C-alpha atoms as a PDB file:
ATOM      1  CA  UNK A   1      58.585 165.204  80.330  1.00  0.00           C
ATOM      2  CA  UNK A   2      58.704 161.721  78.830  1.00  0.00           C
ATOM      3  CA  UNK A   3      55.918 160.580  76.586  1.00  0.00           C
ATOM      4  CA  UNK A   4      54.778 157.074  77.381  1.00  0.00           C
ATOM      5  CA  UNK A   5      54.980 154.908  74.289  1.00  0.00           C
ATOM      6  CA  UNK A   6      55.150 151.153  73.879  1.00  0.00           C
ATOM      7  CA  UNK A   7      53.094 150.865  77.038  1.00  0.00           C
ATOM      8  CA  UNK A   8      52.301 147.441  78.435  1.00  0.00           C
ATOM      9  CA  UNK A   9      49.110 147.228  80.455  1.00  0.00           C
ATOM     10  CA  UNK A  10      48.088 144.038  82.116  1.00  0.00           C
ATOM     11  CA  UNK A  11      44.996 143.693  84.285  1.00  0.00           C
ATOM     12  CA  UNK A  12      44.885 140.676  86.576  1.00  0.00           C
ATOM     13  CA  UNK A  13      41.504 139.731  87.957  1.00  0.00           C
ATOM     14  CA  UNK A  14      40.084 137.298  90.491  1.00  0.00           C
ATOM     15  CA  UNK A  15      43.411 136.528  92.141  1.00  0.00           C
ATOM     16  CA  UNK A  16      43.041 135.749  95.843  1.00  0.00           C
ATOM     17  CA  UNK A  17      44.745 138.300  98.070  1.00  0.00           C
ATOM     18  CA  UNK A  18      46.624 135.606  99.989  1.00  0.00           C
ATOM     19  CA  UNK A  19      48.461 134.607  96.813  1.00  0.00           C
ATOM     20  CA  UNK A  20      49.709 138.090  95.904  1.00  0.00           C
ATOM     21  CA  UNK A  21      53.397 137.379  96.340  1.00  0.00           C
ATOM     22  CA  UNK A  22      53.271 134.060  94.486  1.00  0.00           C
ATOM     23  CA  UNK A  23      50.843 134.848  91.689  1.00  0.00           C
ATOM     24  CA  UNK A  24      52.561 137.816  90.098  1.00  0.00           C
ATOM     25  CA  UNK A  25      55.528 137.259  87.826  1.00  0.00           C
ATOM     26  CA  UNK A  26      57.459 140.501  87.370  1.00  0.00           C
ATOM     27  CA  UNK A  27      59.794 139.007  84.760  1.00  0.00           C
ATOM     28  CA  UNK A  28      57.712 140.167  81.789  1.00  0.00           C
ATOM     29  CA  UNK A  29      57.297 143.731  83.061  1.00  0.00           C
ATOM     30  CA  UNK A  30      61.002 144.075  83.929  1.00  0.00           C
ATOM     31  CA  UNK A  31      62.016 142.638  80.537  1.00  0.00           C
ATOM     32  CA  UNK A  32      59.724 145.102  78.743  1.00  0.00           C
ATOM     33  CA  UNK A  33      61.269 147.993  80.686  1.00  0.00           C
ATOM     34  CA  UNK A  34      64.773 146.762  79.809  1.00  0.00           C
ATOM     35  CA  UNK A  35      63.861 146.805  76.092  1.00  0.00           C
ATOM     36  CA  UNK A  36      63.099 150.535  76.421  1.00  0.00           C
ATOM     37  CA  UNK A  37      65.662 152.064  78.829  1.00  0.00           C
ATOM     38  CA  UNK A  38      64.586 155.410  80.221  1.00  0.00           C
ATOM     39  CA  UNK A  39      60.906 154.940  79.276  1.00  0.00           C
ATOM     40  CA  UNK A  40      58.086 154.166  81.694  1.00  0.00           C
ATOM     41  CA  UNK A  41      56.335 150.811  81.327  1.00  0.00           C
ATOM     42  CA  UNK A  42      52.953 150.635  83.043  1.00  0.00           C
ATOM     43  CA  UNK A  43      51.122 147.865  84.818  1.00  0.00           C
ATOM     44  CA  UNK A  44      47.665 148.053  86.367  1.00  0.00           C
ATOM     45  CA  UNK A  45      46.560 145.621  89.059  1.00  0.00           C
ATOM     46  CA  UNK A  46      44.016 146.400  91.748  1.00  0.00           C
ATOM     47  CA  UNK A  47      45.639 143.868  94.102  1.00  0.00           C
ATOM     48  CA  UNK A  48      49.284 144.977  93.992  1.00  0.00           C
ATOM     49  CA  UNK A  49      50.518 145.414  97.566  1.00  0.00           C
ATOM     50  CA  UNK A  50      51.797 148.898  98.369  1.00  0.00           C
ATOM     51  CA  UNK A  51      55.174 147.462  99.357  1.00  0.00           C
ATOM     52  CA  UNK A  52      55.798 146.388  95.733  1.00  0.00           C
ATOM     53  CA  UNK A  53      57.252 149.798  94.846  1.00  0.00           C
ATOM     54  CA  UNK A  54      59.804 149.515  97.627  1.00  0.00           C
ATOM     55  CA  UNK A  55      60.694 145.958  96.617  1.00  0.00           C
ATOM     56  CA  UNK A  56      61.282 147.045  93.023  1.00  0.00           C
ATOM     57  CA  UNK A  57      63.438 150.029  94.033  1.00  0.00           C
ATOM     58  CA  UNK A  58      65.527 147.966  96.443  1.00  0.00           C
ATOM     59  CA  UNK A  59      65.941 144.990  94.094  1.00  0.00           C
ATOM     60  CA  UNK A  60      64.185 142.602  96.477  1.00  0.00           C
ATOM     61  CA  UNK A  61      62.394 141.020  93.523  1.00  0.00           C
ATOM     62  CA  UNK A  62      64.791 139.041  91.319  1.00  0.00           C
ATOM     63  CA  UNK A  63      63.506 140.622  88.084  1.00  0.00           C
ATOM     64  CA  UNK A  64      64.626 144.081  89.302  1.00  0.00           C
ATOM     65  CA  UNK A  65      68.195 143.326  90.362  1.00  0.00           C
ATOM     66  CA  UNK A  66      70.672 144.746  91.011  1.00  0.00           C
ATOM     67  CA  UNK A  67      69.150 147.244  93.428  1.00  0.00           C
ATOM     68  CA  UNK A  68      68.880 150.696  91.886  1.00  0.00           C
ATOM     69  CA  UNK A  69      68.485 149.397  88.316  1.00  0.00           C
ATOM     70  CA  UNK A  70      64.835 150.467  88.114  1.00  0.00           C
ATOM     71  CA  UNK A  71      62.831 153.536  89.051  1.00  0.00           C
ATOM     72  CA  UNK A  72      59.216 153.086  90.069  1.00  0.00           C
ATOM     73  CA  UNK A  73      56.247 155.359  90.639  1.00  0.00           C
ATOM     74  CA  UNK A  74      52.887 154.307  92.021  1.00  0.00           C
ATOM     75  CA  UNK A  75      49.441 155.851  91.522  1.00  0.00           C
ATOM     76  CA  UNK A  76      45.769 155.044  91.957  1.00  0.00           C
ATOM     77  CA  UNK A  77      43.913 155.377  88.660  1.00  0.00           C
ATOM     78  CA  UNK A  78      40.153 154.834  88.594  1.00  0.00           C
ATOM     79  CA  UNK A  79      40.377 152.927  91.879  1.00  0.00           C
ATOM     80  CA  UNK A  80      43.104 150.561  90.679  1.00  0.00           C
ATOM     81  CA  UNK A  81      46.729 150.567  91.713  1.00  0.00           C
ATOM     82  CA  UNK A  82      49.085 151.424  88.903  1.00  0.00           C
ATOM     83  CA  UNK A  83      52.820 151.279  89.000  1.00  0.00           C
ATOM     84  CA  UNK A  84      55.191 152.477  86.342  1.00  0.00           C
ATOM     85  CA  UNK A  85      58.656 150.961  86.048  1.00  0.00           C
ATOM     86  CA  UNK A  86      61.633 152.481  84.232  1.00  0.00           C
ATOM     87  CA  UNK A  87      64.940 150.710  83.604  1.00  0.00           C
ATOM     88  CA  UNK A  88      67.840 153.003  84.467  1.00  0.00           C
ATOM     89  CA  UNK A  89      70.550 150.858  82.931  1.00  0.00           C
ATOM     90  CA  UNK A  90      72.556 150.439  86.119  1.00  0.00           C
END
């Protein structure tokens, strides 16, 4: 099992739900994952839509292209949505 090191955690607060798609820039998280191929990089945001995991996996978000380049897992931790992203090097 991988040990999570060099973990990036960002908590975004007070963002209106209607702005979810526009307010979140995945570039930083994807870039951090690409610096550490094969390691999980974590982000915590209580307002992340559940469809985000699918969008990351399928490369629908520009930062995670081409499709299949990133693995993602999603959890609820202390009532907040957490998703971990791992660059696969594809």
